[in-house]
Amino acid sequence: MVRAQQLGYEFLAGPAGGALASLGTGCTQLVSTECMNCTFTGCFLGLFCQGLPGTQARFLRFSYRPEA
């Protein structure tokens, strides 16, 4: 899950139906590189996995649910 606020993002993960743990945070100003006023078009976030050479990752499901 990603919690987005005006100044930052918080990234969380956990098992289905279980408690979410915070994985880290990031400043919104560092996600995009727009340097002119009124040129911001939004940010794209995606899944990423890293492991030892030869390690495979498979994402079985991804869902997006905006929260009010």
N, C-alpha and C. Protein backbone atom coordinates (compact mmCIF):
# COMPACT_ATOMS: atom_id res chain seq x y z
N MET A 1 0.84 -1.16 0.00
CA MET A 1 0.00 0.00 0.00
C MET A 1 0.89 1.23 0.00
N VAL A 2 0.41 2.28 -0.63
CA VAL A 2 1.13 3.55 -0.64
C VAL A 2 0.22 4.60 -0.01
N ARG A 3 0.72 5.25 1.02
CA ARG A 3 0.00 6.38 1.62
C ARG A 3 0.64 7.64 1.08
N ALA A 4 -0.15 8.45 0.39
CA ALA A 4 0.38 9.67 -0.22
C ALA A 4 -0.14 10.89 0.53
N GLN A 5 0.78 11.77 0.82
CA GLN A 5 0.44 13.06 1.43
C GLN A 5 1.16 14.14 0.64
N GLN A 6 0.89 15.38 0.96
CA GLN A 6 1.44 16.49 0.18
C GLN A 6 2.97 16.46 0.13
N LEU A 7 3.63 16.12 1.21
CA LEU A 7 5.09 16.19 1.26
C LEU A 7 5.81 14.85 1.18
N GLY A 8 5.06 13.73 1.18
CA GLY A 8 5.76 12.46 1.15
C GLY A 8 4.87 11.26 0.91
N TYR A 9 5.52 10.13 0.62
CA TYR A 9 4.87 8.85 0.44
C TYR A 9 5.35 7.90 1.52
N GLU A 10 4.47 7.00 1.95
CA GLU A 10 4.87 5.91 2.85
C GLU A 10 4.48 4.61 2.17
N PHE A 11 5.41 3.67 2.11
CA PHE A 11 5.19 2.39 1.45
C PHE A 11 5.02 1.30 2.50
N LEU A 12 3.93 0.53 2.39
CA LEU A 12 3.61 -0.52 3.35
C LEU A 12 3.33 -1.83 2.62
N ALA A 13 3.58 -2.95 3.30
CA ALA A 13 3.28 -4.27 2.72
C ALA A 13 2.95 -5.24 3.84
N GLY A 14 2.24 -6.31 3.48
CA GLY A 14 1.89 -7.33 4.44
C GLY A 14 1.05 -8.40 3.78
N PRO A 15 0.79 -9.47 4.49
CA PRO A 15 -0.02 -10.57 3.94
C PRO A 15 -1.48 -10.15 3.79
N ALA A 16 -2.16 -10.80 2.88
CA ALA A 16 -3.58 -10.52 2.66
C ALA A 16 -4.35 -10.69 3.96
N GLY A 17 -5.09 -9.68 4.35
CA GLY A 17 -5.88 -9.73 5.57
C GLY A 17 -5.09 -9.53 6.84
N GLY A 18 -3.78 -9.35 6.72
CA GLY A 18 -2.93 -9.19 7.91
C GLY A 18 -2.51 -7.74 8.11
N ALA A 19 -1.73 -7.53 9.13
CA ALA A 19 -1.25 -6.19 9.45
C ALA A 19 -0.20 -5.74 8.42
N LEU A 20 -0.23 -4.46 8.11
CA LEU A 20 0.75 -3.89 7.19
C LEU A 20 1.94 -3.34 7.96
N ALA A 21 3.13 -3.52 7.41
CA ALA A 21 4.35 -2.99 8.02
C ALA A 21 4.92 -1.92 7.10
N SER A 22 5.41 -0.86 7.67
CA SER A 22 6.01 0.22 6.89
C SER A 22 7.35 -0.24 6.32
N LEU A 23 7.53 -0.06 5.01
CA LEU A 23 8.77 -0.43 4.34
C LEU A 23 9.70 0.75 4.16
N GLY A 24 9.15 1.95 4.20
CA GLY A 24 9.99 3.13 4.03
C GLY A 24 9.16 4.32 3.57
N THR A 25 9.82 5.43 3.45
CA THR A 25 9.16 6.67 3.03
C THR A 25 9.99 7.35 1.95
N GLY A 26 9.37 8.29 1.27
CA GLY A 26 10.06 9.08 0.26
C GLY A 26 9.43 10.44 0.14
N CYS A 27 10.24 11.44 -0.11
CA CYS A 27 9.75 12.81 -0.30
C CYS A 27 9.12 12.95 -1.68
N THR A 28 8.01 13.63 -1.77
CA THR A 28 7.36 13.82 -3.07
C THR A 28 8.23 14.62 -4.01
N GLN A 29 9.01 15.56 -3.51
CA GLN A 29 9.82 16.39 -4.40
C GLN A 29 10.94 15.60 -5.07
N LEU A 30 11.28 14.43 -4.56
CA LEU A 30 12.36 13.64 -5.15
C LEU A 30 11.85 12.59 -6.14
N VAL A 31 10.53 12.42 -6.26
CA VAL A 31 9.99 11.41 -7.16
C VAL A 31 9.95 11.91 -8.60
N SER A 32 9.71 13.19 -8.80
CA SER A 32 9.66 13.74 -10.15
C SER A 32 10.71 14.83 -10.31
N THR A 33 11.00 15.17 -11.55
CA THR A 33 12.08 16.12 -11.82
C THR A 33 11.60 17.39 -12.51
N GLU A 34 10.32 17.67 -12.51
CA GLU A 34 9.82 18.88 -13.13
C GLU A 34 10.42 20.09 -12.43
N CYS A 35 10.89 21.04 -13.20
CA CYS A 35 11.53 22.21 -12.59
C CYS A 35 10.84 23.51 -13.01
N MET A 36 9.76 23.44 -13.77
CA MET A 36 9.03 24.64 -14.18
C MET A 36 7.66 24.63 -13.52
N ASN A 37 7.13 25.79 -13.22
CA ASN A 37 5.79 25.89 -12.64
C ASN A 37 4.75 25.34 -13.61
N CYS A 38 3.74 24.71 -13.06
CA CYS A 38 2.57 24.19 -13.81
C CYS A 38 2.93 23.13 -14.84
N THR A 39 4.01 22.37 -14.66
CA THR A 39 4.35 21.31 -15.62
C THR A 39 4.20 19.91 -15.02
N PHE A 40 3.83 19.82 -13.75
CA PHE A 40 3.73 18.50 -13.09
C PHE A 40 2.58 17.71 -13.68
N THR A 41 2.85 16.50 -14.14
CA THR A 41 1.82 15.66 -14.75
C THR A 41 1.44 14.46 -13.90
N GLY A 42 2.12 14.25 -12.77
CA GLY A 42 1.81 13.13 -11.89
C GLY A 42 2.99 12.20 -11.73
N CYS A 43 2.83 11.20 -10.88
CA CYS A 43 3.89 10.22 -10.61
C CYS A 43 3.37 8.83 -10.93
N PHE A 44 4.25 7.97 -11.40
CA PHE A 44 3.93 6.57 -11.64
C PHE A 44 4.68 5.74 -10.61
N LEU A 45 3.98 4.83 -9.97
CA LEU A 45 4.60 3.91 -9.02
C LEU A 45 4.34 2.49 -9.49
N GLY A 46 5.32 1.61 -9.35
CA GLY A 46 5.14 0.23 -9.79
C GLY A 46 5.79 -0.76 -8.85
N LEU A 47 5.58 -2.02 -9.11
CA LEU A 47 6.14 -3.10 -8.29
C LEU A 47 7.59 -3.36 -8.68
N PHE A 48 8.41 -3.68 -7.71
CA PHE A 48 9.81 -3.96 -7.94
C PHE A 48 10.27 -5.01 -6.94
N CYS A 49 11.10 -5.91 -7.37
CA CYS A 49 11.63 -6.93 -6.48
C CYS A 49 13.11 -7.13 -6.80
N GLN A 50 13.93 -7.29 -5.77
CA GLN A 50 15.37 -7.49 -5.97
C GLN A 50 15.83 -8.66 -5.13
N GLY A 51 16.71 -9.47 -5.69
CA GLY A 51 17.22 -10.61 -4.95
C GLY A 51 18.59 -11.01 -5.46
N LEU A 52 19.07 -12.13 -5.02
CA LEU A 52 20.35 -12.65 -5.46
C LEU A 52 20.28 -13.03 -6.94
N PRO A 53 21.41 -13.03 -7.66
CA PRO A 53 21.40 -13.45 -9.07
C PRO A 53 20.74 -14.82 -9.23
N GLY A 54 19.87 -14.94 -10.21
CA GLY A 54 19.16 -16.20 -10.44
C GLY A 54 17.85 -16.31 -9.68
N THR A 55 17.60 -15.41 -8.76
CA THR A 55 16.35 -15.42 -7.99
C THR A 55 15.22 -14.93 -8.88
N GLN A 56 14.07 -15.54 -8.77
CA GLN A 56 12.91 -15.13 -9.55
C GLN A 56 11.83 -14.60 -8.62
N ALA A 57 11.08 -13.65 -9.14
CA ALA A 57 9.94 -13.11 -8.40
C ALA A 57 8.72 -13.18 -9.29
N ARG A 58 7.58 -13.44 -8.69
CA ARG A 58 6.34 -13.50 -9.46
C ARG A 58 5.26 -12.79 -8.65
N PHE A 59 4.67 -11.80 -9.26
CA PHE A 59 3.56 -11.09 -8.62
C PHE A 59 2.27 -11.74 -9.08
N LEU A 60 1.54 -12.28 -8.15
CA LEU A 60 0.30 -12.99 -8.50
C LEU A 60 -0.88 -12.05 -8.67
N ARG A 61 -0.82 -10.92 -7.98
CA ARG A 61 -1.96 -10.02 -8.04
C ARG A 61 -1.52 -8.62 -7.67
N PHE A 62 -2.12 -7.64 -8.29
CA PHE A 62 -1.90 -6.24 -7.95
C PHE A 62 -3.24 -5.55 -8.01
N SER A 63 -3.58 -4.79 -7.00
CA SER A 63 -4.84 -4.06 -7.02
C SER A 63 -4.62 -2.63 -6.58
N TYR A 64 -5.48 -1.76 -7.05
CA TYR A 64 -5.41 -0.34 -6.70
C TYR A 64 -6.75 0.07 -6.14
N ARG A 65 -6.73 0.59 -4.92
CA ARG A 65 -7.95 1.08 -4.28
C ARG A 65 -7.66 2.46 -3.69
N PRO A 66 -8.14 3.51 -4.32
CA PRO A 66 -7.92 4.83 -3.73
C PRO A 66 -8.70 4.98 -2.44
N GLU A 67 -8.11 5.64 -1.48
CA GLU A 67 -8.77 5.89 -0.20
C GLU A 67 -9.06 7.37 -0.07
N ALA A 68 -10.19 7.67 0.46
CA ALA A 68 -10.59 9.08 0.62
C ALA A 68 -9.82 9.75 1.72
